[in-house]
Amino acid sequence: QVQVVEFGGGLAQPGGSLRLSCTASGSIASINRMGWYRQAPGKEREWVATITSGGSADYADAVKGRFTISRDNPKNTMYLQMNSLKPEDTAVYYCNVVTDSWRQYWGQGTQVNVSS
């Protein structure tokens, strides 16, 4: 059994910051890559950022320069530092974990609201 849990959502003002974290635990083998996705009301889930086990990161254009993804491999934990938040960043943010055997796991999501 594998559990993927996100933490850190909440309310921020435009221009503010939030930090999300995601931890994978349980019967999980080596993690290949971890990523963040988000889904705004009435929209499709979209990719936000990905980080490999070697630390190589990639970002969606919408968040590039504002969000920073990082991970702590021994702890199977990933972070998303979100700065200069905009109202359009409001969404449920989901953690995605892909193992070396290409099994994929999702967290339940954490709500981020950006509003004045």
N, C-alpha and C. Protein backbone atom coordinates (compact mmCIF):
# COMPACT_ATOMS: atom_id res chain seq x y z
N GLN A 1 0.84 -1.19 0.00
CA GLN A 1 0.00 0.00 0.00
C GLN A 1 0.89 1.25 0.00
N VAL A 2 0.56 2.18 -0.87
CA VAL A 2 1.32 3.43 -0.98
C VAL A 2 0.40 4.59 -0.64
N GLN A 3 0.91 5.49 0.15
CA GLN A 3 0.16 6.70 0.48
C GLN A 3 0.93 7.91 -0.02
N VAL A 4 0.20 8.81 -0.64
CA VAL A 4 0.76 10.07 -1.10
C VAL A 4 -0.08 11.18 -0.49
N VAL A 5 0.55 12.05 0.28
CA VAL A 5 -0.19 13.07 1.02
C VAL A 5 0.42 14.44 0.75
N GLU A 6 -0.44 15.40 0.46
CA GLU A 6 0.00 16.77 0.25
C GLU A 6 -0.32 17.60 1.50
N PHE A 7 0.52 18.60 1.74
CA PHE A 7 0.31 19.54 2.84
C PHE A 7 0.58 20.95 2.34
N GLY A 8 0.00 21.93 3.03
CA GLY A 8 0.42 23.31 2.81
C GLY A 8 -0.50 24.20 2.03
N GLY A 9 -1.63 23.69 1.58
CA GLY A 9 -2.54 24.57 0.87
C GLY A 9 -3.14 25.60 1.80
N GLY A 10 -3.87 26.53 1.23
CA GLY A 10 -4.52 27.55 2.04
C GLY A 10 -4.84 28.77 1.22
N LEU A 11 -4.98 29.88 1.94
CA LEU A 11 -5.36 31.15 1.31
C LEU A 11 -4.16 32.08 1.29
N ALA A 12 -3.94 32.71 0.16
CA ALA A 12 -2.88 33.71 0.03
C ALA A 12 -3.43 34.90 -0.74
N GLN A 13 -2.85 36.05 -0.51
CA GLN A 13 -3.22 37.24 -1.28
C GLN A 13 -2.42 37.26 -2.57
N PRO A 14 -2.95 37.93 -3.58
CA PRO A 14 -2.16 38.10 -4.81
C PRO A 14 -0.80 38.71 -4.49
N GLY A 15 0.23 38.12 -5.07
CA GLY A 15 1.58 38.55 -4.79
C GLY A 15 2.22 37.83 -3.61
N GLY A 16 1.42 37.05 -2.91
CA GLY A 16 1.92 36.34 -1.75
C GLY A 16 2.56 35.01 -2.10
N SER A 17 2.87 34.24 -1.05
CA SER A 17 3.56 32.96 -1.23
C SER A 17 2.90 31.86 -0.41
N LEU A 18 3.06 30.65 -0.90
CA LEU A 18 2.69 29.45 -0.18
C LEU A 18 3.70 28.37 -0.52
N ARG A 19 3.85 27.41 0.39
CA ARG A 19 4.74 26.28 0.15
C ARG A 19 3.96 24.99 0.35
N LEU A 20 3.93 24.19 -0.69
CA LEU A 20 3.29 22.89 -0.62
C LEU A 20 4.35 21.81 -0.42
N SER A 21 3.95 20.75 0.23
CA SER A 21 4.83 19.59 0.35
C SER A 21 4.03 18.33 0.06
N CYS A 22 4.75 17.31 -0.32
CA CYS A 22 4.13 16.03 -0.65
C CYS A 22 5.06 14.92 -0.18
N THR A 23 4.51 13.96 0.53
CA THR A 23 5.30 12.84 1.02
C THR A 23 4.68 11.52 0.57
N ALA A 24 5.52 10.65 0.04
CA ALA A 24 5.08 9.31 -0.34
C ALA A 24 5.60 8.32 0.70
N SER A 25 4.75 7.41 1.13
CA SER A 25 5.14 6.43 2.13
C SER A 25 4.48 5.09 1.85
N GLY A 26 4.93 4.08 2.55
CA GLY A 26 4.36 2.76 2.38
C GLY A 26 5.26 1.86 1.56
N SER A 27 4.68 0.89 0.91
CA SER A 27 5.43 -0.11 0.14
C SER A 27 5.79 0.48 -1.23
N ILE A 28 6.69 1.41 -1.20
CA ILE A 28 7.06 2.09 -2.43
C ILE A 28 8.52 1.83 -2.74
N ALA A 29 8.74 1.48 -3.98
CA ALA A 29 10.11 1.24 -4.42
C ALA A 29 10.76 2.58 -4.75
N SER A 30 11.83 2.54 -5.46
CA SER A 30 12.53 3.77 -5.78
C SER A 30 11.66 4.69 -6.63
N ILE A 31 11.64 5.96 -6.27
CA ILE A 31 10.85 6.94 -7.00
C ILE A 31 11.67 7.51 -8.14
N ASN A 32 11.10 7.54 -9.31
CA ASN A 32 11.77 8.11 -10.46
C ASN A 32 11.55 9.60 -10.51
N ARG A 33 10.33 10.01 -10.68
CA ARG A 33 10.06 11.44 -10.72
C ARG A 33 8.82 11.76 -9.90
N MET A 34 8.77 12.99 -9.48
CA MET A 34 7.62 13.51 -8.73
C MET A 34 7.18 14.81 -9.40
N GLY A 35 5.90 15.06 -9.31
CA GLY A 35 5.40 16.26 -9.98
C GLY A 35 4.17 16.82 -9.32
N TRP A 36 3.84 18.02 -9.70
CA TRP A 36 2.64 18.71 -9.26
C TRP A 36 1.73 18.97 -10.45
N TYR A 37 0.47 18.76 -10.22
CA TYR A 37 -0.58 19.10 -11.17
C TYR A 37 -1.61 19.94 -10.43
N ARG A 38 -2.44 20.62 -11.18
CA ARG A 38 -3.50 21.39 -10.54
C ARG A 38 -4.76 21.37 -11.38
N GLN A 39 -5.88 21.56 -10.70
CA GLN A 39 -7.16 21.59 -11.38
C GLN A 39 -8.00 22.72 -10.81
N ALA A 40 -8.30 23.67 -11.66
CA ALA A 40 -9.15 24.79 -11.27
C ALA A 40 -10.61 24.42 -11.53
N PRO A 41 -11.54 25.09 -10.87
CA PRO A 41 -12.96 24.78 -11.07
C PRO A 41 -13.35 24.89 -12.53
N GLY A 42 -13.99 23.85 -13.04
CA GLY A 42 -14.47 23.86 -14.41
C GLY A 42 -13.41 23.65 -15.47
N LYS A 43 -12.19 23.34 -15.04
CA LYS A 43 -11.10 23.15 -16.00
C LYS A 43 -10.50 21.76 -15.88
N GLU A 44 -9.73 21.39 -16.90
CA GLU A 44 -9.03 20.11 -16.89
C GLU A 44 -7.83 20.20 -15.94
N ARG A 45 -7.44 19.04 -15.42
CA ARG A 45 -6.22 19.01 -14.62
C ARG A 45 -5.03 19.32 -15.53
N GLU A 46 -4.13 20.17 -15.04
CA GLU A 46 -2.98 20.56 -15.85
C GLU A 46 -1.69 20.34 -15.09
N TRP A 47 -0.65 20.08 -15.85
CA TRP A 47 0.67 19.86 -15.28
C TRP A 47 1.26 21.18 -14.83
N VAL A 48 1.96 21.16 -13.69
CA VAL A 48 2.58 22.38 -13.16
C VAL A 48 4.10 22.28 -13.21
N ALA A 49 4.64 21.20 -12.65
CA ALA A 49 6.09 21.06 -12.57
C ALA A 49 6.44 19.61 -12.28
N THR A 50 7.67 19.24 -12.67
CA THR A 50 8.18 17.89 -12.44
C THR A 50 9.62 17.97 -12.01
N ILE A 51 10.02 17.05 -11.15
CA ILE A 51 11.43 16.96 -10.77
C ILE A 51 11.85 15.50 -10.77
N THR A 52 13.01 15.22 -11.37
CA THR A 52 13.50 13.86 -11.44
C THR A 52 14.29 13.51 -10.18
N SER A 53 14.67 12.25 -10.07
CA SER A 53 15.45 11.82 -8.92
C SER A 53 16.81 12.50 -8.89
N GLY A 54 17.28 12.91 -10.05
CA GLY A 54 18.55 13.61 -10.12
C GLY A 54 18.45 15.10 -9.88
N GLY A 55 17.23 15.59 -9.69
CA GLY A 55 17.04 17.00 -9.38
C GLY A 55 16.75 17.88 -10.58
N SER A 56 16.59 17.28 -11.74
CA SER A 56 16.27 18.07 -12.93
C SER A 56 14.80 18.48 -12.88
N ALA A 57 14.55 19.79 -13.02
CA ALA A 57 13.19 20.32 -12.87
C ALA A 57 12.69 20.90 -14.18
N ASP A 58 11.39 20.84 -14.34
CA ASP A 58 10.75 21.43 -15.51
C ASP A 58 9.44 22.05 -15.06
N TYR A 59 9.06 23.15 -15.72
CA TYR A 59 7.90 23.91 -15.29
C TYR A 59 6.98 24.26 -16.46
N ALA A 60 5.70 24.35 -16.16
CA ALA A 60 4.76 24.90 -17.13
C ALA A 60 5.05 26.38 -17.30
N ASP A 61 4.79 26.90 -18.49
CA ASP A 61 5.07 28.31 -18.76
C ASP A 61 4.32 29.23 -17.80
N ALA A 62 3.14 28.82 -17.37
CA ALA A 62 2.30 29.67 -16.53
C ALA A 62 2.93 29.93 -15.16
N VAL A 63 3.84 29.06 -14.73
CA VAL A 63 4.41 29.20 -13.38
C VAL A 63 5.91 29.43 -13.40
N LYS A 64 6.51 29.35 -14.57
CA LYS A 64 7.96 29.48 -14.68
C LYS A 64 8.41 30.83 -14.14
N GLY A 65 9.43 30.81 -13.31
CA GLY A 65 9.94 32.03 -12.71
C GLY A 65 9.26 32.42 -11.42
N ARG A 66 8.14 31.78 -11.11
CA ARG A 66 7.42 32.09 -9.86
C ARG A 66 7.41 30.90 -8.90
N PHE A 67 7.36 29.70 -9.45
CA PHE A 67 7.30 28.49 -8.63
C PHE A 67 8.64 27.76 -8.69
N THR A 68 9.00 27.13 -7.59
CA THR A 68 10.22 26.34 -7.52
C THR A 68 9.92 24.97 -6.92
N ILE A 69 10.28 23.93 -7.66
CA ILE A 69 10.06 22.57 -7.19
C ILE A 69 11.38 22.02 -6.66
N SER A 70 11.31 21.26 -5.58
CA SER A 70 12.50 20.64 -5.01
C SER A 70 12.09 19.33 -4.35
N ARG A 71 13.07 18.52 -4.00
CA ARG A 71 12.73 17.25 -3.35
C ARG A 71 13.84 16.80 -2.42
N ASP A 72 13.45 16.00 -1.45
CA ASP A 72 14.36 15.37 -0.50
C ASP A 72 14.23 13.88 -0.73
N ASN A 73 15.15 13.31 -1.49
CA ASN A 73 15.02 11.91 -1.90
C ASN A 73 14.95 10.93 -0.73
N PRO A 74 15.82 11.02 0.27
CA PRO A 74 15.75 10.05 1.37
C PRO A 74 14.41 10.07 2.10
N LYS A 75 13.74 11.22 2.07
CA LYS A 75 12.46 11.34 2.77
C LYS A 75 11.27 11.13 1.83
N ASN A 76 11.53 10.85 0.56
CA ASN A 76 10.44 10.70 -0.44
C ASN A 76 9.49 11.90 -0.37
N THR A 77 10.05 13.07 -0.25
CA THR A 77 9.26 14.27 -0.07
C THR A 77 9.61 15.29 -1.15
N MET A 78 8.60 15.97 -1.60
CA MET A 78 8.76 17.00 -2.64
C MET A 78 8.10 18.28 -2.15
N TYR A 79 8.62 19.41 -2.62
CA TYR A 79 8.10 20.70 -2.22
C TYR A 79 7.78 21.54 -3.46
N LEU A 80 6.87 22.48 -3.28
CA LEU A 80 6.59 23.47 -4.32
C LEU A 80 6.50 24.82 -3.64
N GLN A 81 7.51 25.64 -3.84
CA GLN A 81 7.50 27.01 -3.34
C GLN A 81 6.82 27.89 -4.37
N MET A 82 5.72 28.50 -3.99
CA MET A 82 4.94 29.30 -4.91
C MET A 82 5.02 30.76 -4.47
N ASN A 83 5.64 31.58 -5.30
CA ASN A 83 5.78 33.01 -5.04
C ASN A 83 5.01 33.81 -6.07
N SER A 84 4.81 35.07 -5.78
CA SER A 84 4.10 35.98 -6.70
C SER A 84 2.79 35.35 -7.18
N LEU A 85 2.04 34.84 -6.24
CA LEU A 85 0.81 34.13 -6.58
C LEU A 85 -0.20 35.06 -7.25
N LYS A 86 -0.95 34.46 -8.16
CA LYS A 86 -1.99 35.19 -8.90
C LYS A 86 -3.33 34.50 -8.66
N PRO A 87 -4.42 35.24 -8.82
CA PRO A 87 -5.74 34.60 -8.66
C PRO A 87 -5.92 33.38 -9.55
N GLU A 88 -5.31 33.39 -10.71
CA GLU A 88 -5.45 32.25 -11.62
C GLU A 88 -4.67 31.02 -11.16
N ASP A 89 -3.89 31.15 -10.09
CA ASP A 89 -3.24 29.99 -9.50
C ASP A 89 -4.19 29.21 -8.58
N THR A 90 -5.36 29.77 -8.34
CA THR A 90 -6.34 29.09 -7.49
C THR A 90 -6.74 27.77 -8.11
N ALA A 91 -6.58 26.70 -7.34
CA ALA A 91 -6.85 25.35 -7.85
C ALA A 91 -6.63 24.35 -6.73
N VAL A 92 -7.02 23.12 -7.00
CA VAL A 92 -6.60 22.01 -6.15
C VAL A 92 -5.29 21.49 -6.73
N TYR A 93 -4.28 21.39 -5.89
CA TYR A 93 -2.96 20.96 -6.34
C TYR A 93 -2.76 19.50 -5.93
N TYR A 94 -2.34 18.70 -6.91
CA TYR A 94 -2.17 17.26 -6.71
C TYR A 94 -0.70 16.87 -6.87
N CYS A 95 -0.28 15.99 -6.02
CA CYS A 95 1.06 15.41 -6.10
C CYS A 95 1.00 14.13 -6.92
N ASN A 96 1.96 13.96 -7.80
CA ASN A 96 2.06 12.77 -8.63
C ASN A 96 3.43 12.12 -8.41
N VAL A 97 3.41 10.82 -8.18
CA VAL A 97 4.65 10.08 -7.92
C VAL A 97 4.76 8.95 -8.94
N VAL A 98 5.90 8.85 -9.60
CA VAL A 98 6.14 7.79 -10.58
C VAL A 98 7.38 7.02 -10.13
N THR A 99 7.23 5.71 -9.97
CA THR A 99 8.35 4.90 -9.50
C THR A 99 9.24 4.47 -10.67
N ASP A 100 10.36 3.85 -10.32
CA ASP A 100 11.26 3.35 -11.36
C ASP A 100 10.62 2.26 -12.20
N SER A 101 9.61 1.59 -11.66
CA SER A 101 8.88 0.57 -12.43
C SER A 101 7.67 1.17 -13.12
N TRP A 102 7.62 2.51 -13.13
CA TRP A 102 6.60 3.27 -13.87
C TRP A 102 5.20 3.08 -13.30
N ARG A 103 5.10 2.75 -12.04
CA ARG A 103 3.80 2.79 -11.37
C ARG A 103 3.55 4.23 -10.94
N GLN A 104 2.30 4.63 -10.99
CA GLN A 104 1.96 6.03 -10.75
C GLN A 104 0.98 6.13 -9.60
N TYR A 105 1.22 7.11 -8.74
CA TYR A 105 0.35 7.34 -7.59
C TYR A 105 0.00 8.81 -7.49
N TRP A 106 -1.20 9.07 -6.97
CA TRP A 106 -1.68 10.45 -6.81
C TRP A 106 -2.08 10.69 -5.36
N GLY A 107 -1.87 11.92 -4.93
CA GLY A 107 -2.40 12.34 -3.65
C GLY A 107 -3.85 12.77 -3.79
N GLN A 108 -4.45 13.13 -2.67
CA GLN A 108 -5.86 13.53 -2.66
C GLN A 108 -6.04 15.00 -3.04
N GLY A 109 -4.96 15.75 -3.02
CA GLY A 109 -5.04 17.15 -3.41
C GLY A 109 -5.12 18.09 -2.21
N THR A 110 -4.63 19.29 -2.42
CA THR A 110 -4.72 20.35 -1.41
C THR A 110 -5.16 21.63 -2.10
N GLN A 111 -6.10 22.32 -1.47
CA GLN A 111 -6.69 23.51 -2.08
C GLN A 111 -5.81 24.73 -1.87
N VAL A 112 -5.59 25.46 -2.94
CA VAL A 112 -4.90 26.74 -2.89
C VAL A 112 -5.85 27.80 -3.42
N ASN A 113 -6.06 28.83 -2.61
CA ASN A 113 -6.91 29.96 -3.00
C ASN A 113 -6.09 31.23 -2.96
N VAL A 114 -6.13 31.97 -4.04
CA VAL A 114 -5.41 33.25 -4.11
C VAL A 114 -6.46 34.34 -4.34
N SER A 115 -6.64 35.15 -3.32
CA SER A 115 -7.69 36.16 -3.38
C SER A 115 -7.39 37.27 -2.40
N SER A 116 -7.83 38.47 -2.77
CA SER A 116 -7.67 39.61 -1.86
C SER A 116 -8.93 39.79 -1.01
